[in-house]
PDB file of N, CA and C in Angstrom:
ATOM      1  N   MET A   1    -184.008  76.250-175.349  1.00  0.00           N
ATOM      2  CA  MET A   1    -183.352  75.706-174.173  1.00  0.00           C
ATOM      3  C   MET A   1    -183.983  74.351-173.872  1.00  0.00           C
ATOM      4  N   ILE A   2    -183.149  73.347-173.742  1.00  0.00           N
ATOM      5  CA  ILE A   2    -183.595  72.013-173.354  1.00  0.00           C
ATOM      6  C   ILE A   2    -183.380  71.886-171.845  1.00  0.00           C
ATOM      7  N   VAL A   3    -184.414  71.486-171.126  1.00  0.00           N
ATOM      8  CA  VAL A   3    -184.315  71.290-169.681  1.00  0.00           C
ATOM      9  C   VAL A   3    -184.847  69.899-169.363  1.00  0.00           C
ATOM     10  N   VAL A   4    -184.007  69.092-168.707  1.00  0.00           N
ATOM     11  CA  VAL A   4    -184.395  67.729-168.354  1.00  0.00           C
ATOM     12  C   VAL A   4    -184.041  67.431-166.898  1.00  0.00           C
ATOM     13  N   THR A   5    -184.731  66.465-166.345  1.00  0.00           N
ATOM     14  CA  THR A   5    -184.449  66.050-164.973  1.00  0.00           C
ATOM     15  C   THR A   5    -183.439  64.911-164.918  1.00  0.00           C
ATOM     16  N   THR A   6    -183.077  64.377-166.063  1.00  0.00           N
ATOM     17  CA  THR A   6    -182.112  63.284-166.133  1.00  0.00           C
ATOM     18  C   THR A   6    -180.685  63.828-166.108  1.00  0.00           C
ATOM     19  N   ASN A   7    -179.720  62.930-165.889  1.00  0.00           N
ATOM     20  CA  ASN A   7    -178.309  63.338-165.822  1.00  0.00           C
ATOM     21  C   ASN A   7    -177.634  63.376-167.181  1.00  0.00           C
ATOM     22  N   ASP A   8    -178.324  62.927-168.200  1.00  0.00           N
ATOM     23  CA  ASP A   8    -177.812  63.013-169.566  1.00  0.00           C
ATOM     24  C   ASP A   8    -178.986  63.319-170.485  1.00  0.00           C
ATOM     25  N   LEU A   9    -178.691  63.479-171.759  1.00  0.00           N
ATOM     26  CA  LEU A   9    -179.709  63.868-172.723  1.00  0.00           C
ATOM     27  C   LEU A   9    -179.587  62.943-173.924  1.00  0.00           C
ATOM     28  N   ALA A  10    -180.518  62.031-174.054  1.00  0.00           N
ATOM     29  CA  ALA A  10    -180.478  61.031-175.126  1.00  0.00           C
ATOM     30  C   ALA A  10    -180.371  61.709-176.490  1.00  0.00           C
ATOM     31  N   GLY A  11    -179.435  61.229-177.297  1.00  0.00           N
ATOM     32  CA  GLY A  11    -179.244  61.773-178.636  1.00  0.00           C
ATOM     33  C   GLY A  11    -178.349  62.990-178.700  1.00  0.00           C
ATOM     34  N   TYR A  12    -177.823  63.405-177.558  1.00  0.00           N
ATOM     35  CA  TYR A  12    -176.945  64.575-177.499  1.00  0.00           C
ATOM     36  C   TYR A  12    -175.672  64.252-176.746  1.00  0.00           C
ATOM     37  N   ARG A  13    -174.633  64.957-177.092  1.00  0.00           N
ATOM     38  CA  ARG A  13    -173.348  64.846-176.404  1.00  0.00           C
ATOM     39  C   ARG A  13    -173.099  66.171-175.674  1.00  0.00           C
ATOM     40  N   ILE A  14    -172.678  66.071-174.437  1.00  0.00           N
ATOM     41  CA  ILE A  14    -172.329  67.271-173.672  1.00  0.00           C
ATOM     42  C   ILE A  14    -170.923  67.687-174.076  1.00  0.00           C
ATOM     43  N   THR A  15    -170.795  68.928-174.545  1.00  0.00           N
ATOM     44  CA  THR A  15    -169.495  69.421-174.998  1.00  0.00           C
ATOM     45  C   THR A  15    -168.861  70.408-174.022  1.00  0.00           C
ATOM     46  N   ARG A  16    -169.667  70.935-173.109  1.00  0.00           N
ATOM     47  CA  ARG A  16    -169.130  71.891-172.148  1.00  0.00           C
ATOM     48  C   ARG A  16    -170.042  71.960-170.928  1.00  0.00           C
ATOM     49  N   HIS A  17    -169.439  72.048-169.756  1.00  0.00           N
ATOM     50  CA  HIS A  17    -170.169  72.227-168.501  1.00  0.00           C
ATOM     51  C   HIS A  17    -169.956  73.657-168.010  1.00  0.00           C
ATOM     52  N   PHE A  18    -171.045  74.305-167.604  1.00  0.00           N
ATOM     53  CA  PHE A  18    -170.953  75.662-167.060  1.00  0.00           C
ATOM     54  C   PHE A  18    -171.112  75.680-165.548  1.00  0.00           C
ATOM     55  N   GLY A  19    -171.597  74.594-164.974  1.00  0.00           N
ATOM     56  CA  GLY A  19    -171.799  74.523-163.529  1.00  0.00           C
ATOM     57  C   GLY A  19    -173.254  74.656-163.136  1.00  0.00           C
ATOM     58  N   VAL A  20    -173.458  74.808-161.857  1.00  0.00           N
ATOM     59  CA  VAL A  20    -174.808  74.881-161.296  1.00  0.00           C
ATOM     60  C   VAL A  20    -175.448  76.222-161.637  1.00  0.00           C
ATOM     61  N   VAL A  21    -176.714  76.146-162.042  1.00  0.00           N
ATOM     62  CA  VAL A  21    -177.520  77.348-162.271  1.00  0.00           C
ATOM     63  C   VAL A  21    -178.774  77.233-161.416  1.00  0.00           C
ATOM     64  N   ARG A  22    -179.362  78.385-161.110  1.00  0.00           N
ATOM     65  CA  ARG A  22    -180.548  78.366-160.276  1.00  0.00           C
ATOM     66  C   ARG A  22    -181.442  79.543-160.588  1.00  0.00           C
ATOM     67  N   GLY A  23    -182.680  79.349-160.209  1.00  0.00           N
ATOM     68  CA  GLY A  23    -183.670  80.409-160.229  1.00  0.00           C
ATOM     69  C   GLY A  23    -184.385  80.354-158.896  1.00  0.00           C
ATOM     70  N   ILE A  24    -184.532  81.465-158.242  1.00  0.00           N
ATOM     71  CA  ILE A  24    -185.142  81.480-156.918  1.00  0.00           C
ATOM     72  C   ILE A  24    -186.182  82.584-156.843  1.00  0.00           C
ATOM     73  N   THR A  25    -187.285  82.273-156.209  1.00  0.00           N
ATOM     74  CA  THR A  25    -188.308  83.281-155.961  1.00  0.00           C
ATOM     75  C   THR A  25    -188.844  83.076-154.552  1.00  0.00           C
ATOM     76  N   VAL A  26    -189.317  84.143-153.969  1.00  0.00           N
ATOM     77  CA  VAL A  26    -189.918  84.085-152.635  1.00  0.00           C
ATOM     78  C   VAL A  26    -191.320  84.665-152.773  1.00  0.00           C
ATOM     79  N   ARG A  27    -192.297  83.910-152.317  1.00  0.00           N
ATOM     80  CA  ARG A  27    -193.698  84.313-152.456  1.00  0.00           C
ATOM     81  C   ARG A  27    -194.400  84.287-151.111  1.00  0.00           C
ATOM     82  N   SER A  28    -195.387  85.153-150.970  1.00  0.00           N
ATOM     83  CA  SER A  28    -196.206  85.143-149.767  1.00  0.00           C
ATOM     84  C   SER A  28    -197.669  85.034-150.169  1.00  0.00           C
ATOM     85  N   ARG A  29    -198.446  84.525-149.249  1.00  0.00           N
ATOM     86  CA  ARG A  29    -199.893  84.458-149.454  1.00  0.00           C
ATOM     87  C   ARG A  29    -200.486  85.784-148.994  1.00  0.00           C
ATOM     88  N   SER A  30    -201.409  86.287-149.758  1.00  0.00           N
ATOM     89  CA  SER A  30    -202.076  87.535-149.365  1.00  0.00           C
ATOM     90  C   SER A  30    -203.203  87.234-148.384  1.00  0.00           C
ATOM     91  N   VAL A  31    -203.668  88.265-147.723  1.00  0.00           N
ATOM     92  CA  VAL A  31    -204.794  88.111-146.803  1.00  0.00           C
ATOM     93  C   VAL A  31    -206.012  87.602-147.569  1.00  0.00           C
ATOM     94  N   ILE A  32    -206.230  88.138-148.757  1.00  0.00           N
ATOM     95  CA  ILE A  32    -207.373  87.711-149.577  1.00  0.00           C
ATOM     96  C   ILE A  32    -207.188  86.257-150.004  1.00  0.00           C
ATOM     97  N   GLY A  33    -205.958  85.906-150.379  1.00  0.00           N
ATOM     98  CA  GLY A  33    -205.678  84.521-150.759  1.00  0.00           C
ATOM     99  C   GLY A  33    -205.897  83.564-149.602  1.00  0.00           C
ATOM    100  N   ASN A  34    -205.467  83.957-148.412  1.00  0.00           N
ATOM    101  CA  ASN A  34    -205.692  83.125-147.226  1.00  0.00           C
ATOM    102  C   ASN A  34    -207.177  82.957-146.940  1.00  0.00           C
ATOM    103  N   LEU A  35    -207.941  84.034-147.104  1.00  0.00           N
ATOM    104  CA  LEU A  35    -209.391  83.972-146.887  1.00  0.00           C
ATOM    105  C   LEU A  35    -210.027  83.030-147.902  1.00  0.00           C
ATOM    106  N   GLY A  36    -209.629  83.171-149.170  1.00  0.00           N
ATOM    107  CA  GLY A  36    -210.158  82.283-150.217  1.00  0.00           C
ATOM    108  C   GLY A  36    -209.803  80.834-149.954  1.00  0.00           C
ATOM    109  N   GLY A  37    -208.567  80.585-149.532  1.00  0.00           N
ATOM    110  CA  GLY A  37    -208.132  79.231-149.207  1.00  0.00           C
ATOM    111  C   GLY A  37    -208.895  78.661-148.026  1.00  0.00           C
ATOM    112  N   ALA A  38    -209.144  79.497-147.016  1.00  0.00           N
ATOM    113  CA  ALA A  38    -209.903  79.051-145.838  1.00  0.00           C
ATOM    114  C   ALA A  38    -211.322  78.671-146.226  1.00  0.00           C
ATOM    115  N   ILE A  39    -211.930  79.471-147.073  1.00  0.00           N
ATOM    116  CA  ILE A  39    -213.296  79.169-147.526  1.00  0.00           C
ATOM    117  C   ILE A  39    -213.305  77.865-148.319  1.00  0.00           C
ATOM    118  N   GLN A  40    -212.347  77.688-149.227  1.00  0.00           N
ATOM    119  CA  GLN A  40    -212.284  76.451-150.007  1.00  0.00           C
ATOM    120  C   GLN A  40    -212.055  75.244-149.109  1.00  0.00           C
ATOM    121  N   SER A  41    -211.237  75.402-148.066  1.00  0.00           N
ATOM    122  CA  SER A  41    -210.926  74.261-147.204  1.00  0.00           C
ATOM    123  C   SER A  41    -212.150  73.797-146.415  1.00  0.00           C
ATOM    124  N   VAL A  42    -213.095  74.691-146.173  1.00  0.00           N
ATOM    125  CA  VAL A  42    -214.327  74.318-145.476  1.00  0.00           C
ATOM    126  C   VAL A  42    -215.103  73.285-146.293  1.00  0.00           C
ATOM    127  N   PHE A  43    -215.080  73.456-147.610  1.00  0.00           N
ATOM    128  CA  PHE A  43    -215.841  72.572-148.494  1.00  0.00           C
ATOM    129  C   PHE A  43    -215.038  71.361-148.957  1.00  0.00           C
ATOM    130  N   GLY A  44    -213.734  71.348-148.672  1.00  0.00           N
ATOM    131  CA  GLY A  44    -212.888  70.218-149.050  1.00  0.00           C
ATOM    132  C   GLY A  44    -212.507  70.265-150.520  1.00  0.00           C
ATOM    133  N   GLY A  45    -211.677  69.322-150.917  1.00  0.00           N
ATOM    134  CA  GLY A  45    -211.258  69.223-152.307  1.00  0.00           C
ATOM    135  C   GLY A  45    -210.035  70.064-152.607  1.00  0.00           C
ATOM    136  N   LYS A  46    -209.848  70.316-153.889  1.00  0.00           N
ATOM    137  CA  LYS A  46    -208.684  71.061-154.368  1.00  0.00           C
ATOM    138  C   LYS A  46    -208.736  72.516-153.901  1.00  0.00           C
ATOM    139  N   LEU A  47    -207.621  72.995-153.373  1.00  0.00           N
ATOM    140  CA  LEU A  47    -207.519  74.387-152.947  1.00  0.00           C
ATOM    141  C   LEU A  47    -206.856  75.183-154.063  1.00  0.00           C
ATOM    142  N   SER A  48    -207.654  75.608-155.029  1.00  0.00           N
ATOM    143  CA  SER A  48    -207.125  76.234-156.239  1.00  0.00           C
ATOM    144  C   SER A  48    -206.341  77.510-155.966  1.00  0.00           C
ATOM    145  N   VAL A  49    -206.690  78.243-154.918  1.00  0.00           N
ATOM    146  CA  VAL A  49    -205.963  79.473-154.579  1.00  0.00           C
ATOM    147  C   VAL A  49    -204.501  79.137-154.300  1.00  0.00           C
ATOM    148  N   TYR A  50    -204.260  78.090-153.507  1.00  0.00           N
ATOM    149  CA  TYR A  50    -202.893  77.707-153.156  1.00  0.00           C
ATOM    150  C   TYR A  50    -202.205  76.974-154.305  1.00  0.00           C
ATOM    151  N   THR A  51    -202.967  76.198-155.070  1.00  0.00           N
ATOM    152  CA  THR A  51    -202.398  75.512-156.236  1.00  0.00           C
ATOM    153  C   THR A  51    -201.876  76.535-157.239  1.00  0.00           C
ATOM    154  N   ASN A  52    -202.645  77.567-157.493  1.00  0.00           N
ATOM    155  CA  ASN A  52    -202.221  78.612-158.435  1.00  0.00           C
ATOM    156  C   ASN A  52    -200.994  79.355-157.928  1.00  0.00           C
ATOM    157  N   LEU A  53    -200.937  79.630-156.626  1.00  0.00           N
ATOM    158  CA  LEU A  53    -199.780  80.294-156.043  1.00  0.00           C
ATOM    159  C   LEU A  53    -198.529  79.432-156.209  1.00  0.00           C
ATOM    160  N   ALA A  54    -198.650  78.132-155.920  1.00  0.00           N
ATOM    161  CA  ALA A  54    -197.513  77.228-156.035  1.00  0.00           C
ATOM    162  C   ALA A  54    -197.047  77.117-157.490  1.00  0.00           C
ATOM    163  N   GLU A  55    -197.987  77.021-158.421  1.00  0.00           N
ATOM    164  CA  GLU A  55    -197.613  76.911-159.836  1.00  0.00           C
ATOM    165  C   GLU A  55    -196.946  78.187-160.330  1.00  0.00           C
ATOM    166  N   THR A  56    -197.446  79.337-159.906  1.00  0.00           N
ATOM    167  CA  THR A  56    -196.839  80.611-160.298  1.00  0.00           C
ATOM    168  C   THR A  56    -195.408  80.708-159.782  1.00  0.00           C
ATOM    169  N   ALA A  57    -195.191  80.309-158.537  1.00  0.00           N
ATOM    170  CA  ALA A  57    -193.850  80.365-157.952  1.00  0.00           C
ATOM    171  C   ALA A  57    -192.900  79.419-158.685  1.00  0.00           C
ATOM    172  N   ARG A  58    -193.337  78.207-158.976  1.00  0.00           N
ATOM    173  CA  ARG A  58    -192.479  77.260-159.700  1.00  0.00           C
ATOM    174  C   ARG A  58    -192.157  77.755-161.103  1.00  0.00           C
ATOM    175  N   GLN A  59    -193.153  78.312-161.784  1.00  0.00           N
ATOM    176  CA  GLN A  59    -192.923  78.821-163.139  1.00  0.00           C
ATOM    177  C   GLN A  59    -191.920  79.966-163.132  1.00  0.00           C
ATOM    178  N   GLU A  60    -192.035  80.862-162.161  1.00  0.00           N
ATOM    179  CA  GLU A  60    -191.097  81.975-162.062  1.00  0.00           C
ATOM    180  C   GLU A  60    -189.684  81.484-161.773  1.00  0.00           C
ATOM    181  N   ALA A  61    -189.539  80.529-160.851  1.00  0.00           N
ATOM    182  CA  ALA A  61    -188.220  79.978-160.536  1.00  0.00           C
ATOM    183  C   ALA A  61    -187.633  79.288-161.764  1.00  0.00           C
ATOM    184  N   TYR A  62    -188.462  78.560-162.515  1.00  0.00           N
ATOM    185  CA  TYR A  62    -188.013  77.880-163.734  1.00  0.00           C
ATOM    186  C   TYR A  62    -187.508  78.895-164.767  1.00  0.00           C
ATOM    187  N   GLU A  63    -188.271  79.949-164.989  1.00  0.00           N
ATOM    188  CA  GLU A  63    -187.874  80.968-165.966  1.00  0.00           C
ATOM    189  C   GLU A  63    -186.558  81.638-165.565  1.00  0.00           C
ATOM    190  N   LEU A  64    -186.367  81.881-164.282  1.00  0.00           N
ATOM    191  CA  LEU A  64    -185.106  82.464-163.808  1.00  0.00           C
ATOM    192  C   LEU A  64    -183.945  81.487-163.991  1.00  0.00           C
ATOM    193  N   LEU A  65    -184.186  80.197-163.783  1.00  0.00           N
ATOM    194  CA  LEU A  65    -183.174  79.162-164.034  1.00  0.00           C
ATOM    195  C   LEU A  65    -182.741  79.178-165.501  1.00  0.00           C
ATOM    196  N   VAL A  66    -183.707  79.184-166.397  1.00  0.00           N
ATOM    197  CA  VAL A  66    -183.412  79.201-167.838  1.00  0.00           C
ATOM    198  C   VAL A  66    -182.623  80.455-168.207  1.00  0.00           C
ATOM    199  N   GLN A  67    -183.014  81.599-167.663  1.00  0.00           N
ATOM    200  CA  GLN A  67    -182.302  82.851-167.953  1.00  0.00           C
ATOM    201  C   GLN A  67    -180.859  82.792-167.465  1.00  0.00           C
ATOM    202  N   HIS A  68    -180.637  82.234-166.276  1.00  0.00           N
ATOM    203  CA  HIS A  68    -179.289  82.105-165.732  1.00  0.00           C
ATOM    204  C   HIS A  68    -178.437  81.229-166.656  1.00  0.00           C
ATOM    205  N   ALA A  69    -178.995  80.113-167.112  1.00  0.00           N
ATOM    206  CA  ALA A  69    -178.268  79.213-168.009  1.00  0.00           C
ATOM    207  C   ALA A  69    -177.949  79.901-169.336  1.00  0.00           C
ATOM    208  N   GLN A  70    -178.916  80.619-169.889  1.00  0.00           N
ATOM    209  CA  GLN A  70    -178.686  81.327-171.157  1.00  0.00           C
ATOM    210  C   GLN A  70    -177.620  82.400-171.002  1.00  0.00           C
ATOM    211  N   ASP A  71    -177.622  83.093-169.876  1.00  0.00           N
ATOM    212  CA  ASP A  71    -176.618  84.129-169.635  1.00  0.00           C
ATOM    213  C   ASP A  71    -175.200  83.561-169.638  1.00  0.00           C
ATOM    214  N   LEU A  72    -175.061  82.302-169.258  1.00  0.00           N
ATOM    215  CA  LEU A  72    -173.745  81.647-169.251  1.00  0.00           C
ATOM    216  C   LEU A  72    -173.360  81.088-170.626  1.00  0.00           C
ATOM    217  N   GLY A  73    -174.312  81.025-171.540  1.00  0.00           N
ATOM    218  CA  GLY A  73    -174.042  80.485-172.869  1.00  0.00           C
ATOM    219  C   GLY A  73    -174.485  79.042-173.043  1.00  0.00           C
ATOM    220  N   ALA A  74    -175.200  78.505-172.083  1.00  0.00           N
ATOM    221  CA  ALA A  74    -175.672  77.120-172.168  1.00  0.00           C
ATOM    222  C   ALA A  74    -176.869  77.016-173.102  1.00  0.00           C
ATOM    223  N   ASN A  75    -177.045  75.825-173.660  1.00  0.00           N
ATOM    224  CA  ASN A  75    -178.252  75.570-174.448  1.00  0.00           C
ATOM    225  C   ASN A  75    -179.081  74.435-173.849  1.00  0.00           C
ATOM    226  N   ALA A  76    -178.670  73.951-172.656  1.00  0.00           N
ATOM    227  CA  ALA A  76    -179.426  72.914-171.970  1.00  0.00           C
ATOM    228  C   ALA A  76    -179.134  72.952-170.472  1.00  0.00           C
ATOM    229  N   VAL A  77    -180.069  72.418-169.711  1.00  0.00           N
ATOM    230  CA  VAL A  77    -179.894  72.219-168.272  1.00  0.00           C
ATOM    231  C   VAL A  77    -180.246  70.773-167.991  1.00  0.00           C
ATOM    232  N   ILE A  78    -179.321  70.059-167.355  1.00  0.00           N
ATOM    233  CA  ILE A  78    -179.573  68.672-166.982  1.00  0.00           C
ATOM    234  C   ILE A  78    -179.735  68.578-165.461  1.00  0.00           C
ATOM    235  N   ALA A  79    -180.309  67.477-165.005  1.00  0.00           N
ATOM    236  CA  ALA A  79    -180.506  67.211-163.574  1.00  0.00           C
ATOM    237  C   ALA A  79    -181.275  68.333-162.878  1.00  0.00           C
ATOM    238  N   MET A  80    -182.278  68.872-163.564  1.00  0.00           N
ATOM    239  CA  MET A  80    -183.066  69.979-163.009  1.00  0.00           C
ATOM    240  C   MET A  80    -183.946  69.461-161.872  1.00  0.00           C
ATOM    241  N   ARG A  81    -184.038  70.246-160.806  1.00  0.00           N
ATOM    242  CA  ARG A  81    -184.846  69.904-159.639  1.00  0.00           C
ATOM    243  C   ARG A  81    -185.498  71.163-159.077  1.00  0.00           C
ATOM    244  N   TYR A  82    -186.550  70.935-158.279  1.00  0.00           N
ATOM    245  CA  TYR A  82    -187.175  72.001-157.508  1.00  0.00           C
ATOM    246  C   TYR A  82    -186.958  71.727-156.028  1.00  0.00           C
ATOM    247  N   ASP A  83    -186.924  72.786-155.252  1.00  0.00           N
ATOM    248  CA  ASP A  83    -186.900  72.681-153.798  1.00  0.00           C
ATOM    249  C   ASP A  83    -187.727  73.852-153.270  1.00  0.00           C
ATOM    250  N   ALA A  84    -188.367  73.651-152.139  1.00  0.00           N
ATOM    251  CA  ALA A  84    -189.156  74.729-151.537  1.00  0.00           C
ATOM    252  C   ALA A  84    -188.995  74.675-150.026  1.00  0.00           C
ATOM    253  N   ASN A  85    -188.921  75.837-149.432  1.00  0.00           N
ATOM    254  CA  ASN A  85    -188.801  75.970-147.980  1.00  0.00           C
ATOM    255  C   ASN A  85    -189.689  77.100-147.510  1.00  0.00           C
ATOM    256  N   GLU A  86    -190.293  76.904-146.368  1.00  0.00           N
ATOM    257  CA  GLU A  86    -191.054  77.987-145.763  1.00  0.00           C
ATOM    258  C   GLU A  86    -190.092  78.819-144.918  1.00  0.00           C
ATOM    259  N   ILE A  87    -189.890  80.069-145.305  1.00  0.00           N
ATOM    260  CA  ILE A  87    -188.978  80.956-144.599  1.00  0.00           C
ATOM    261  C   ILE A  87    -189.593  81.376-143.264  1.00  0.00           C
ATOM    262  N   MET A  88    -190.855  81.729-143.322  1.00  0.00           N
ATOM    263  CA  MET A  88    -191.643  82.006-142.125  1.00  0.00           C
ATOM    264  C   MET A  88    -193.093  81.740-142.503  1.00  0.00           C
ATOM    265  N   GLU A  89    -193.978  81.746-141.560  1.00  0.00           N
ATOM    266  CA  GLU A  89    -195.360  81.401-141.864  1.00  0.00           C
ATOM    267  C   GLU A  89    -195.916  82.265-142.990  1.00  0.00           C
ATOM    268  N   GLY A  90    -196.361  81.597-144.036  1.00  0.00           N
ATOM    269  CA  GLY A  90    -196.956  82.297-145.168  1.00  0.00           C
ATOM    270  C   GLY A  90    -195.975  82.799-146.203  1.00  0.00           C
ATOM    271  N   ILE A  91    -194.668  82.606-145.995  1.00  0.00           N
ATOM    272  CA  ILE A  91    -193.657  83.050-146.958  1.00  0.00           C
ATOM    273  C   ILE A  91    -192.811  81.849-147.360  1.00  0.00           C
ATOM    274  N   THR A  92    -192.838  81.541-148.651  1.00  0.00           N
ATOM    275  CA  THR A  92    -192.171  80.348-149.164  1.00  0.00           C
ATOM    276  C   THR A  92    -191.143  80.708-150.220  1.00  0.00           C
ATOM    277  N   GLU A  93    -189.999  80.065-150.124  1.00  0.00           N
ATOM    278  CA  GLU A  93    -188.934  80.176-151.118  1.00  0.00           C
ATOM    279  C   GLU A  93    -189.053  78.972-152.044  1.00  0.00           C
ATOM    280  N   VAL A  94    -189.005  79.209-153.354  1.00  0.00           N
ATOM    281  CA  VAL A  94    -188.995  78.130-154.331  1.00  0.00           C
ATOM    282  C   VAL A  94    -187.725  78.268-155.151  1.00  0.00           C
ATOM    283  N   LEU A  95    -186.992  77.173-155.244  1.00  0.00           N
ATOM    284  CA  LEU A  95    -185.709  77.135-155.935  1.00  0.00           C
ATOM    285  C   LEU A  95    -185.776  76.104-157.055  1.00  0.00           C
ATOM    286  N   ALA A  96    -185.367  76.495-158.250  1.00  0.00           N
ATOM    287  CA  ALA A  96    -185.172  75.569-159.363  1.00  0.00           C
ATOM    288  C   ALA A  96    -183.676  75.548-159.623  1.00  0.00           C
ATOM    289  N   TYR A  97    -183.077  74.364-159.746  1.00  0.00           N
ATOM    290  CA  TYR A  97    -181.636  74.296-159.951  1.00  0.00           C
ATOM    291  C   TYR A  97    -181.275  73.111-160.839  1.00  0.00           C
ATOM    292  N   GLY A  98    -180.089  73.175-161.419  1.00  0.00           N
ATOM    293  CA  GLY A  98    -179.596  72.114-162.278  1.00  0.00           C
ATOM    294  C   GLY A  98    -178.201  72.451-162.769  1.00  0.00           C
ATOM    295  N   SER A  99    -177.711  71.647-163.703  1.00  0.00           N
ATOM    296  CA  SER A  99    -176.386  71.859-164.288  1.00  0.00           C
ATOM    297  C   SER A  99    -176.533  72.399-165.690  1.00  0.00           C
ATOM    298  N   ALA A 100    -175.929  73.561-165.930  1.00  0.00           N
ATOM    299  CA  ALA A 100    -175.971  74.181-167.254  1.00  0.00           C
ATOM    300  C   ALA A 100    -174.882  73.549-168.129  1.00  0.00           C
ATOM    301  N   VAL A 101    -175.272  73.186-169.340  1.00  0.00           N
ATOM    302  CA  VAL A 101    -174.340  72.537-170.261  1.00  0.00           C
ATOM    303  C   VAL A 101    -174.569  73.038-171.689  1.00  0.00           C
ATOM    304  N   GLN A 102    -173.562  72.802-172.505  1.00  0.00           N
ATOM    305  CA  GLN A 102    -173.669  72.999-173.950  1.00  0.00           C
ATOM    306  C   GLN A 102    -173.780  71.603-174.542  1.00  0.00           C
ATOM    307  N   VAL A 103    -174.758  71.367-175.391  1.00  0.00           N
ATOM    308  CA  VAL A 103    -174.929  70.051-176.009  1.00  0.00           C
ATOM    309  C   VAL A 103    -174.970  70.200-177.518  1.00  0.00           C
ATOM    310  N   GLU A 104    -174.635  69.086-178.187  1.00  0.00           N
ATOM    311  CA  GLU A 104    -174.780  69.014-179.635  1.00  0.00           C
ATOM    312  C   GLU A 104    -175.345  67.644-179.982  1.00  0.00           C
ATOM    313  N   PRO A 105    -176.130  67.578-181.055  1.00  0.00           N
ATOM    314  CA  PRO A 105    -176.697  66.287-181.442  1.00  0.00           C
ATOM    315  C   PRO A 105    -175.602  65.289-181.805  1.00  0.00           C
ATOM    316  N   ILE A 106    -175.818  64.028-181.475  1.00  0.00           N
ATOM    317  CA  ILE A 106    -174.893  62.968-181.862  1.00  0.00           C
ATOM    318  C   ILE A 106    -175.209  62.586-183.297  1.00  0.00           C
ATOM    319  N   GLN A 107    -174.205  62.659-184.158  1.00  0.00           N
ATOM    320  CA  GLN A 107    -174.376  62.302-185.571  1.00  0.00           C
ATOM    321  C   GLN A 107    -174.195  60.799-185.732  1.00  0.00           C
ATOM    322  N   GLY A 108    -175.028  60.191-186.513  1.00  0.00           N
ATOM    323  CA  GLY A 108    -174.780  58.768-186.739  1.00  0.00           C
ATOM    324  C   GLY A 108    -176.003  58.053-186.945  1.00  0.00           C
TER     325      GLY A 108
END
């Protein structure tokens, strides 16, 4: 699966559009994670507890996006983006979305 943030794919021709695809996950911080983050924030610098949580959520949303595109028969996703919203304190929704397409290499 080819996934790009651009609106086209250099060296490829789009032969079919499947429409918008998405992957969504909702994550919460645990009490232990909040405690670890609070301790790290006292000392300053990178808050690895929260960085790891954010990366895990984005990776899960990305994998769900790819699965949605594959289920439709696409072999690429163009214009891929992330979005995140806090649903309530400590609970965050992460969305990965883009346009599922079928592409083929340009001969020449």
